[in-house]
Structures are given as C-alpha cells and as structure tokens.
Amino acid sequence: MTGPNPSAEAAERRAYLTLHRTIDAPVEAVYAAWTEPDMLRRWLAPGNATVVRAVAEPWVGGTFLIEMRGGDGRRWLTSGLYREVVPHRRLVQTWRWEGSEVETLVTVEFEPEEAGGTRLTLTHSRFAEDGARDEHEQGWSGCLAKLERLWAG
C-alpha cells in the first residue's frame, strides 16, 4: 500500500492565493456584486477587458459563467458550479477556463465591518502550478480594484 505523495500535497497547499479587501459598502451589496449577473458585468474582468456575458445561479449545484473580451478582441470564458452558498457570508465555486482540464476552487467570504463596510476574503486554490496562481493573483487584483471602485466616492 502506498501513502500520499508528500510533494504533491505540498504543491497543492502552496499553489493557492488569498486576497483581502475592505470595501466601502454593506455586505448585502458586495454579495450582490458576486451573485447578480448585471453586477458581475461591471467588474469581473481585469484591466481593459469587459464582461460580455455573465451567468450566476447562486445555489448549490447552480452554474457560474463569465465571458470576457479584451480590448484586442481576445475572448476568455470561465465557468463552474456553486459548491457552497451561504447568503451574505460565503460562496464556494469551481472555476475552469474553457479548453483547460484544470478545475480550481474559488472561495469568497464576506464579513461586516463596524463602519458599515465589508471585509472580503478571496481564496483561489488547487492551481496545477505556481505560474497559473501568479497570473490569477494579478487578474484577481485588477478585478477587485474594479469592484472597490463601484462604491468609491
């Protein structure tokens, strides 16, 4: 009998990212930005890319789909299923880019702040390699900056 592969386990633990943001909006509004297609279209594409199609069925087993288009016309599509949905507290969904066999996992946690804002924690895990994790960290940072600007004065 063979035990678990320690190097594979270590790689899985290492190939993840966690980002924290404090957003100047109540939890209900920030949660809606993650679960309502009209809101997702406003921010879930990094840089000069835009969301041209968004599907969000925020219930366990529901579908998540985002189609992005870059300023150069390039197209990206990611989709997945919701694994856990706790309204205004936590979303867990799979994440797979079109044409990829790698399925990663996105967990978003929403915590109310005393001043009426929201502490958002995003963890994206199960990357096959560090390079993919690093690219996603850059992409998520751009997306979250757009999300923050939705409520910037």
N, C-alpha and C. Protein backbone atom coordinates (compact mmCIF):
# COMPACT_ATOMS: atom_id res chain seq x y z
N MET A 1 0.84 -1.18 0.00
CA MET A 1 0.00 0.00 0.00
C MET A 1 0.88 1.24 0.00
N THR A 2 0.52 2.20 -0.81
CA THR A 2 1.31 3.41 -0.94
C THR A 2 0.59 4.56 -0.25
N GLY A 3 1.32 5.35 0.49
CA GLY A 3 0.74 6.52 1.17
C GLY A 3 0.66 7.71 0.23
N PRO A 4 0.12 8.81 0.72
CA PRO A 4 0.01 10.01 -0.10
C PRO A 4 1.38 10.52 -0.51
N ASN A 5 1.41 11.17 -1.63
CA ASN A 5 2.65 11.73 -2.15
C ASN A 5 2.90 13.08 -1.47
N PRO A 6 3.90 13.16 -0.57
CA PRO A 6 4.11 14.41 0.17
C PRO A 6 4.41 15.60 -0.74
N SER A 7 5.15 15.38 -1.82
CA SER A 7 5.48 16.51 -2.68
C SER A 7 4.25 17.02 -3.42
N ALA A 8 3.34 16.14 -3.82
CA ALA A 8 2.10 16.57 -4.47
C ALA A 8 1.22 17.33 -3.48
N GLU A 9 1.13 16.84 -2.25
CA GLU A 9 0.34 17.53 -1.23
C GLU A 9 0.92 18.91 -0.95
N ALA A 10 2.23 19.00 -0.86
CA ALA A 10 2.87 20.29 -0.60
C ALA A 10 2.61 21.25 -1.74
N ALA A 11 2.68 20.75 -2.97
CA ALA A 11 2.43 21.62 -4.13
C ALA A 11 1.00 22.14 -4.11
N GLU A 12 0.02 21.27 -3.76
CA GLU A 12 -1.36 21.72 -3.72
C GLU A 12 -1.56 22.79 -2.65
N ARG A 13 -0.91 22.61 -1.51
CA ARG A 13 -1.04 23.61 -0.44
C ARG A 13 -0.40 24.93 -0.87
N ARG A 14 0.71 24.86 -1.57
CA ARG A 14 1.44 26.06 -1.96
C ARG A 14 0.77 26.80 -3.10
N ALA A 15 0.14 26.10 -4.02
CA ALA A 15 -0.40 26.72 -5.23
C ALA A 15 -1.82 27.24 -4.98
N TYR A 16 -1.89 28.26 -4.15
CA TYR A 16 -3.16 28.93 -3.90
C TYR A 16 -2.86 30.40 -3.63
N LEU A 17 -3.89 31.21 -3.63
CA LEU A 17 -3.71 32.61 -3.29
C LEU A 17 -4.85 33.06 -2.42
N THR A 18 -4.58 34.02 -1.56
CA THR A 18 -5.61 34.62 -0.72
C THR A 18 -5.44 36.13 -0.79
N LEU A 19 -6.53 36.82 -1.09
CA LEU A 19 -6.53 38.28 -1.16
C LEU A 19 -7.58 38.82 -0.20
N HIS A 20 -7.28 39.93 0.44
CA HIS A 20 -8.20 40.58 1.36
C HIS A 20 -8.46 42.00 0.87
N ARG A 21 -9.69 42.43 0.96
CA ARG A 21 -10.06 43.80 0.64
C ARG A 21 -11.11 44.27 1.64
N THR A 22 -11.09 45.55 1.96
CA THR A 22 -12.17 46.17 2.70
C THR A 22 -12.90 47.07 1.72
N ILE A 23 -14.17 46.81 1.54
CA ILE A 23 -14.96 47.51 0.53
C ILE A 23 -15.97 48.40 1.25
N ASP A 24 -16.08 49.62 0.77
CA ASP A 24 -16.93 50.62 1.41
C ASP A 24 -18.39 50.46 0.98
N ALA A 25 -18.95 49.31 1.33
CA ALA A 25 -20.35 49.01 1.01
C ALA A 25 -20.80 47.91 1.97
N PRO A 26 -22.10 47.85 2.26
CA PRO A 26 -22.59 46.80 3.16
C PRO A 26 -22.45 45.40 2.54
N VAL A 27 -22.39 44.42 3.40
CA VAL A 27 -22.24 43.02 2.96
C VAL A 27 -23.27 42.65 1.90
N GLU A 28 -24.52 43.05 2.07
CA GLU A 28 -25.57 42.70 1.12
C GLU A 28 -25.25 43.19 -0.29
N ALA A 29 -24.70 44.39 -0.38
CA ALA A 29 -24.36 44.97 -1.69
C ALA A 29 -23.17 44.25 -2.32
N VAL A 30 -22.16 43.94 -1.51
CA VAL A 30 -20.97 43.26 -2.04
C VAL A 30 -21.32 41.83 -2.44
N TYR A 31 -22.13 41.18 -1.66
CA TYR A 31 -22.60 39.83 -2.01
C TYR A 31 -23.37 39.87 -3.33
N ALA A 32 -24.22 40.86 -3.50
CA ALA A 32 -24.97 41.01 -4.76
C ALA A 32 -24.03 41.19 -5.94
N ALA A 33 -22.92 41.89 -5.73
CA ALA A 33 -21.96 42.09 -6.81
C ALA A 33 -21.35 40.77 -7.27
N TRP A 34 -21.34 39.76 -6.40
CA TRP A 34 -20.80 38.44 -6.73
C TRP A 34 -21.86 37.47 -7.23
N THR A 35 -23.13 37.81 -7.07
CA THR A 35 -24.18 36.83 -7.37
C THR A 35 -25.21 37.30 -8.38
N GLU A 36 -25.18 38.56 -8.78
CA GLU A 36 -26.14 39.08 -9.75
C GLU A 36 -25.43 39.36 -11.07
N PRO A 37 -25.87 38.75 -12.17
CA PRO A 37 -25.19 38.92 -13.45
C PRO A 37 -24.98 40.38 -13.86
N ASP A 38 -25.96 41.25 -13.65
CA ASP A 38 -25.78 42.66 -14.03
C ASP A 38 -24.63 43.30 -13.26
N MET A 39 -24.47 42.92 -12.00
CA MET A 39 -23.36 43.45 -11.21
C MET A 39 -22.03 42.82 -11.63
N LEU A 40 -22.03 41.52 -11.88
CA LEU A 40 -20.80 40.85 -12.30
C LEU A 40 -20.23 41.48 -13.58
N ARG A 41 -21.12 41.88 -14.48
CA ARG A 41 -20.68 42.50 -15.74
C ARG A 41 -19.89 43.79 -15.51
N ARG A 42 -20.11 44.42 -14.38
CA ARG A 42 -19.49 45.71 -14.11
C ARG A 42 -18.05 45.62 -13.62
N TRP A 43 -17.61 44.43 -13.15
CA TRP A 43 -16.30 44.41 -12.53
C TRP A 43 -15.47 43.13 -12.73
N LEU A 44 -16.05 42.02 -13.12
CA LEU A 44 -15.31 40.75 -13.09
C LEU A 44 -14.55 40.47 -14.38
N ALA A 45 -13.68 41.42 -14.73
CA ALA A 45 -12.73 41.26 -15.85
C ALA A 45 -11.58 42.21 -15.56
N PRO A 46 -10.35 41.73 -15.58
CA PRO A 46 -9.22 42.59 -15.22
C PRO A 46 -8.84 43.56 -16.33
N GLY A 47 -8.12 44.59 -15.94
CA GLY A 47 -7.59 45.55 -16.91
C GLY A 47 -8.66 46.18 -17.76
N ASN A 48 -8.38 46.25 -19.08
CA ASN A 48 -9.35 46.86 -20.00
C ASN A 48 -10.33 45.84 -20.57
N ALA A 49 -10.30 44.62 -20.07
CA ALA A 49 -11.26 43.61 -20.51
C ALA A 49 -12.64 43.93 -19.94
N THR A 50 -13.67 43.45 -20.63
CA THR A 50 -15.04 43.65 -20.17
C THR A 50 -15.76 42.30 -20.13
N VAL A 51 -16.80 42.24 -19.32
CA VAL A 51 -17.62 41.05 -19.26
C VAL A 51 -18.74 41.21 -20.28
N VAL A 52 -18.82 40.29 -21.24
CA VAL A 52 -19.87 40.37 -22.26
C VAL A 52 -21.02 39.41 -21.97
N ARG A 53 -20.78 38.45 -21.07
CA ARG A 53 -21.85 37.53 -20.68
C ARG A 53 -21.56 37.05 -19.26
N ALA A 54 -22.62 37.06 -18.43
CA ALA A 54 -22.47 36.60 -17.06
C ALA A 54 -23.69 35.77 -16.69
N VAL A 55 -23.44 34.63 -16.07
CA VAL A 55 -24.50 33.78 -15.55
C VAL A 55 -24.14 33.49 -14.10
N ALA A 56 -25.11 33.65 -13.22
CA ALA A 56 -24.90 33.33 -11.81
C ALA A 56 -26.19 32.73 -11.28
N GLU A 57 -26.10 31.48 -10.90
CA GLU A 57 -27.23 30.76 -10.29
C GLU A 57 -26.76 30.35 -8.90
N PRO A 58 -26.78 31.31 -7.94
CA PRO A 58 -26.13 31.09 -6.64
C PRO A 58 -26.91 30.18 -5.69
N TRP A 59 -26.94 28.92 -6.06
CA TRP A 59 -27.46 27.87 -5.19
C TRP A 59 -26.57 26.66 -5.42
N VAL A 60 -26.51 25.77 -4.46
CA VAL A 60 -25.63 24.60 -4.58
C VAL A 60 -26.00 23.83 -5.84
N GLY A 61 -25.01 23.64 -6.71
CA GLY A 61 -25.22 22.97 -8.00
C GLY A 61 -25.54 23.93 -9.12
N GLY A 62 -25.78 25.20 -8.80
CA GLY A 62 -26.06 26.21 -9.83
C GLY A 62 -24.81 26.55 -10.62
N THR A 63 -25.03 27.12 -11.80
CA THR A 63 -23.95 27.42 -12.74
C THR A 63 -23.42 28.83 -12.55
N PHE A 64 -22.11 28.95 -12.79
CA PHE A 64 -21.42 30.23 -12.82
C PHE A 64 -20.68 30.29 -14.15
N LEU A 65 -20.83 31.40 -14.89
CA LEU A 65 -20.15 31.53 -16.18
C LEU A 65 -19.84 33.00 -16.41
N ILE A 66 -18.62 33.28 -16.83
CA ILE A 66 -18.21 34.63 -17.19
C ILE A 66 -17.47 34.56 -18.52
N GLU A 67 -17.94 35.36 -19.48
CA GLU A 67 -17.24 35.51 -20.76
C GLU A 67 -16.68 36.92 -20.81
N MET A 68 -15.37 36.99 -21.00
CA MET A 68 -14.67 38.28 -21.04
C MET A 68 -14.14 38.52 -22.45
N ARG A 69 -14.02 39.80 -22.77
CA ARG A 69 -13.43 40.19 -24.05
C ARG A 69 -12.42 41.30 -23.78
N GLY A 70 -11.22 41.11 -24.31
CA GLY A 70 -10.17 42.10 -24.14
C GLY A 70 -10.31 43.23 -25.15
N GLY A 71 -9.60 44.31 -24.92
CA GLY A 71 -9.61 45.44 -25.84
C GLY A 71 -9.14 45.06 -27.23
N ASP A 72 -8.36 43.98 -27.33
CA ASP A 72 -7.86 43.50 -28.62
C ASP A 72 -8.80 42.49 -29.27
N GLY A 73 -9.98 42.28 -28.65
CA GLY A 73 -10.95 41.34 -29.20
C GLY A 73 -10.79 39.91 -28.72
N ARG A 74 -9.71 39.64 -27.98
CA ARG A 74 -9.49 38.29 -27.45
C ARG A 74 -10.60 37.91 -26.48
N ARG A 75 -10.97 36.63 -26.45
CA ARG A 75 -12.09 36.15 -25.65
C ARG A 75 -11.62 35.11 -24.65
N TRP A 76 -12.16 35.18 -23.42
CA TRP A 76 -11.90 34.18 -22.38
C TRP A 76 -13.23 33.78 -21.78
N LEU A 77 -13.36 32.51 -21.45
CA LEU A 77 -14.59 32.01 -20.83
C LEU A 77 -14.21 31.13 -19.65
N THR A 78 -14.80 31.43 -18.51
CA THR A 78 -14.62 30.58 -17.33
C THR A 78 -15.99 30.21 -16.80
N SER A 79 -16.07 29.00 -16.27
CA SER A 79 -17.35 28.54 -15.74
C SER A 79 -17.11 27.59 -14.58
N GLY A 80 -18.19 27.29 -13.89
CA GLY A 80 -18.10 26.37 -12.77
C GLY A 80 -19.45 26.17 -12.13
N LEU A 81 -19.41 25.47 -11.01
CA LEU A 81 -20.62 25.19 -10.24
C LEU A 81 -20.44 25.71 -8.83
N TYR A 82 -21.54 26.17 -8.26
CA TYR A 82 -21.52 26.58 -6.86
C TYR A 82 -21.53 25.33 -5.99
N ARG A 83 -20.57 25.24 -5.09
CA ARG A 83 -20.48 24.11 -4.17
C ARG A 83 -21.07 24.44 -2.80
N GLU A 84 -20.95 25.70 -2.42
CA GLU A 84 -21.47 26.13 -1.12
C GLU A 84 -21.99 27.56 -1.27
N VAL A 85 -23.17 27.82 -0.75
CA VAL A 85 -23.76 29.15 -0.80
C VAL A 85 -24.37 29.45 0.56
N VAL A 86 -23.79 30.42 1.24
CA VAL A 86 -24.33 30.92 2.50
C VAL A 86 -24.57 32.41 2.26
N PRO A 87 -25.80 32.80 1.95
CA PRO A 87 -26.07 34.20 1.58
C PRO A 87 -25.46 35.21 2.54
N HIS A 88 -24.79 36.18 1.95
CA HIS A 88 -24.15 37.29 2.65
C HIS A 88 -22.98 36.87 3.53
N ARG A 89 -22.52 35.63 3.42
CA ARG A 89 -21.40 35.16 4.24
C ARG A 89 -20.30 34.45 3.43
N ARG A 90 -20.71 33.52 2.51
CA ARG A 90 -19.67 32.68 1.88
C ARG A 90 -20.19 32.08 0.59
N LEU A 91 -19.31 32.08 -0.42
CA LEU A 91 -19.55 31.40 -1.70
C LEU A 91 -18.35 30.52 -1.99
N VAL A 92 -18.61 29.31 -2.44
CA VAL A 92 -17.55 28.41 -2.88
C VAL A 92 -17.98 27.89 -4.25
N GLN A 93 -17.11 28.06 -5.24
CA GLN A 93 -17.45 27.62 -6.60
C GLN A 93 -16.23 27.08 -7.31
N THR A 94 -16.49 26.13 -8.19
CA THR A 94 -15.41 25.64 -9.03
C THR A 94 -15.13 26.69 -10.11
N TRP A 95 -13.96 26.58 -10.73
CA TRP A 95 -13.52 27.58 -11.70
C TRP A 95 -12.69 26.84 -12.75
N ARG A 96 -13.17 26.86 -13.98
CA ARG A 96 -12.43 26.19 -15.06
C ARG A 96 -12.47 27.06 -16.31
N TRP A 97 -11.29 27.31 -16.86
CA TRP A 97 -11.20 28.07 -18.10
C TRP A 97 -11.55 27.17 -19.27
N GLU A 98 -12.21 27.71 -20.24
CA GLU A 98 -12.55 26.96 -21.45
C GLU A 98 -11.27 26.40 -22.07
N GLY A 99 -11.31 25.13 -22.41
CA GLY A 99 -10.16 24.47 -23.03
C GLY A 99 -9.16 23.89 -22.04
N SER A 100 -9.39 24.09 -20.74
CA SER A 100 -8.48 23.59 -19.71
C SER A 100 -9.09 22.38 -19.01
N GLU A 101 -8.23 21.48 -18.61
CA GLU A 101 -8.67 20.32 -17.82
C GLU A 101 -8.56 20.61 -16.33
N VAL A 102 -7.92 21.72 -15.97
CA VAL A 102 -7.68 22.04 -14.57
C VAL A 102 -8.89 22.76 -13.98
N GLU A 103 -9.44 22.19 -12.92
CA GLU A 103 -10.54 22.81 -12.20
C GLU A 103 -10.01 23.30 -10.86
N THR A 104 -10.12 24.62 -10.63
CA THR A 104 -9.67 25.19 -9.38
C THR A 104 -10.90 25.53 -8.54
N LEU A 105 -10.67 26.09 -7.37
CA LEU A 105 -11.76 26.38 -6.44
C LEU A 105 -11.62 27.81 -5.94
N VAL A 106 -12.72 28.56 -6.00
CA VAL A 106 -12.75 29.94 -5.52
C VAL A 106 -13.68 30.00 -4.31
N THR A 107 -13.16 30.53 -3.22
CA THR A 107 -13.94 30.74 -2.00
C THR A 107 -13.93 32.22 -1.69
N VAL A 108 -15.11 32.79 -1.50
CA VAL A 108 -15.24 34.21 -1.17
C VAL A 108 -16.00 34.31 0.14
N GLU A 109 -15.41 35.03 1.09
CA GLU A 109 -16.05 35.23 2.39
C GLU A 109 -16.32 36.71 2.60
N PHE A 110 -17.48 37.01 3.16
CA PHE A 110 -17.96 38.37 3.37
C PHE A 110 -18.16 38.58 4.87
N GLU A 111 -17.48 39.58 5.43
CA GLU A 111 -17.64 39.87 6.86
C GLU A 111 -17.99 41.34 7.03
N PRO A 112 -19.04 41.64 7.80
CA PRO A 112 -19.38 43.04 8.02
C PRO A 112 -18.32 43.74 8.87
N GLU A 113 -18.04 44.99 8.52
CA GLU A 113 -17.13 45.83 9.28
C GLU A 113 -17.97 46.77 10.14
N GLU A 114 -17.42 47.21 11.25
CA GLU A 114 -18.16 48.10 12.15
C GLU A 114 -18.61 49.39 11.47
N ALA A 115 -17.82 49.91 10.57
CA ALA A 115 -18.14 51.18 9.91
C ALA A 115 -19.16 51.00 8.78
N GLY A 116 -19.68 49.79 8.60
CA GLY A 116 -20.68 49.56 7.56
C GLY A 116 -20.13 48.99 6.28
N GLY A 117 -18.82 48.80 6.21
CA GLY A 117 -18.20 48.22 5.03
C GLY A 117 -18.17 46.70 5.11
N THR A 118 -17.44 46.11 4.18
CA THR A 118 -17.34 44.65 4.09
C THR A 118 -15.88 44.25 3.99
N ARG A 119 -15.49 43.31 4.81
CA ARG A 119 -14.17 42.68 4.70
C ARG A 119 -14.35 41.47 3.80
N LEU A 120 -13.72 41.49 2.63
CA LEU A 120 -13.84 40.41 1.66
C LEU A 120 -12.54 39.61 1.66
N THR A 121 -12.66 38.30 1.73
CA THR A 121 -11.51 37.41 1.64
C THR A 121 -11.75 36.46 0.48
N LEU A 122 -10.86 36.48 -0.49
CA LEU A 122 -10.95 35.61 -1.66
C LEU A 122 -9.78 34.63 -1.61
N THR A 123 -10.09 33.35 -1.65
CA THR A 123 -9.06 32.32 -1.73
C THR A 123 -9.31 31.52 -3.00
N HIS A 124 -8.28 31.44 -3.83
CA HIS A 124 -8.37 30.66 -5.08
C HIS A 124 -7.32 29.56 -4.93
N SER A 125 -7.76 28.31 -4.98
CA SER A 125 -6.87 27.18 -4.68
C SER A 125 -6.91 26.12 -5.77
N ARG A 126 -6.05 25.14 -5.58
CA ARG A 126 -5.93 23.96 -6.44
C ARG A 126 -5.29 24.27 -7.80
N PHE A 127 -4.41 25.23 -7.83
CA PHE A 127 -3.70 25.50 -9.08
C PHE A 127 -2.72 24.38 -9.38
N ALA A 128 -2.56 24.05 -10.65
CA ALA A 128 -1.64 23.00 -11.06
C ALA A 128 -0.18 23.45 -10.94
N GLU A 129 0.03 24.76 -10.99
CA GLU A 129 1.42 25.27 -10.94
C GLU A 129 1.43 26.69 -10.40
N ASP A 130 2.59 27.08 -9.92
CA ASP A 130 2.75 28.42 -9.34
C ASP A 130 2.51 29.52 -10.37
N GLY A 131 2.91 29.30 -11.61
CA GLY A 131 2.73 30.32 -12.64
C GLY A 131 1.27 30.66 -12.85
N ALA A 132 0.41 29.66 -12.86
CA ALA A 132 -1.03 29.89 -13.02
C ALA A 132 -1.56 30.66 -11.81
N ARG A 133 -1.09 30.30 -10.64
CA ARG A 133 -1.50 31.04 -9.43
C ARG A 133 -1.11 32.50 -9.54
N ASP A 134 0.10 32.77 -9.96
CA ASP A 134 0.59 34.15 -10.07
C ASP A 134 -0.21 34.96 -11.09
N GLU A 135 -0.55 34.34 -12.22
CA GLU A 135 -1.37 35.03 -13.22
C GLU A 135 -2.75 35.35 -12.66
N HIS A 136 -3.32 34.42 -11.92
CA HIS A 136 -4.64 34.65 -11.33
C HIS A 136 -4.58 35.72 -10.24
N GLU A 137 -3.49 35.76 -9.50
CA GLU A 137 -3.37 36.80 -8.47
C GLU A 137 -3.39 38.18 -9.12
N GLN A 138 -2.69 38.32 -10.21
CA GLN A 138 -2.68 39.59 -10.94
C GLN A 138 -4.08 39.90 -11.48
N GLY A 139 -4.74 38.91 -12.08
CA GLY A 139 -6.08 39.11 -12.62
C GLY A 139 -7.09 39.46 -11.53
N TRP A 140 -7.06 38.71 -10.43
CA TRP A 140 -7.99 38.99 -9.33
C TRP A 140 -7.75 40.38 -8.74
N SER A 141 -6.49 40.78 -8.64
CA SER A 141 -6.20 42.11 -8.09
C SER A 141 -6.83 43.19 -8.96
N GLY A 142 -6.74 43.04 -10.28
CA GLY A 142 -7.38 44.00 -11.19
C GLY A 142 -8.89 43.99 -11.06
N CYS A 143 -9.48 42.81 -10.95
CA CYS A 143 -10.93 42.71 -10.79
C CYS A 143 -11.38 43.34 -9.48
N LEU A 144 -10.68 43.03 -8.40
CA LEU A 144 -11.08 43.56 -7.10
C LEU A 144 -10.93 45.08 -7.03
N ALA A 145 -9.96 45.62 -7.76
CA ALA A 145 -9.85 47.09 -7.83
C ALA A 145 -11.10 47.67 -8.49
N LYS A 146 -11.59 47.04 -9.53
CA LYS A 146 -12.83 47.49 -10.18
C LYS A 146 -14.01 47.35 -9.22
N LEU A 147 -14.05 46.24 -8.47
CA LEU A 147 -15.12 46.04 -7.51
C LEU A 147 -15.12 47.16 -6.46
N GLU A 148 -13.95 47.49 -5.93
CA GLU A 148 -13.85 48.56 -4.93
C GLU A 148 -14.34 49.90 -5.51
N ARG A 149 -14.02 50.15 -6.77
CA ARG A 149 -14.39 51.44 -7.39
C ARG A 149 -15.91 51.57 -7.57
N LEU A 150 -16.65 50.47 -7.56
CA LEU A 150 -18.10 50.57 -7.67
C LEU A 150 -18.70 51.44 -6.58
N TRP A 151 -18.02 51.49 -5.42
CA TRP A 151 -18.55 52.27 -4.29
C TRP A 151 -17.64 53.42 -3.91
N ALA A 152 -16.62 53.68 -4.69
CA ALA A 152 -15.72 54.79 -4.36
C ALA A 152 -16.43 56.12 -4.64
N GLY A 153 -16.24 57.05 -3.73
CA GLY A 153 -16.90 58.36 -3.83
C GLY A 153 -16.46 59.11 -5.00
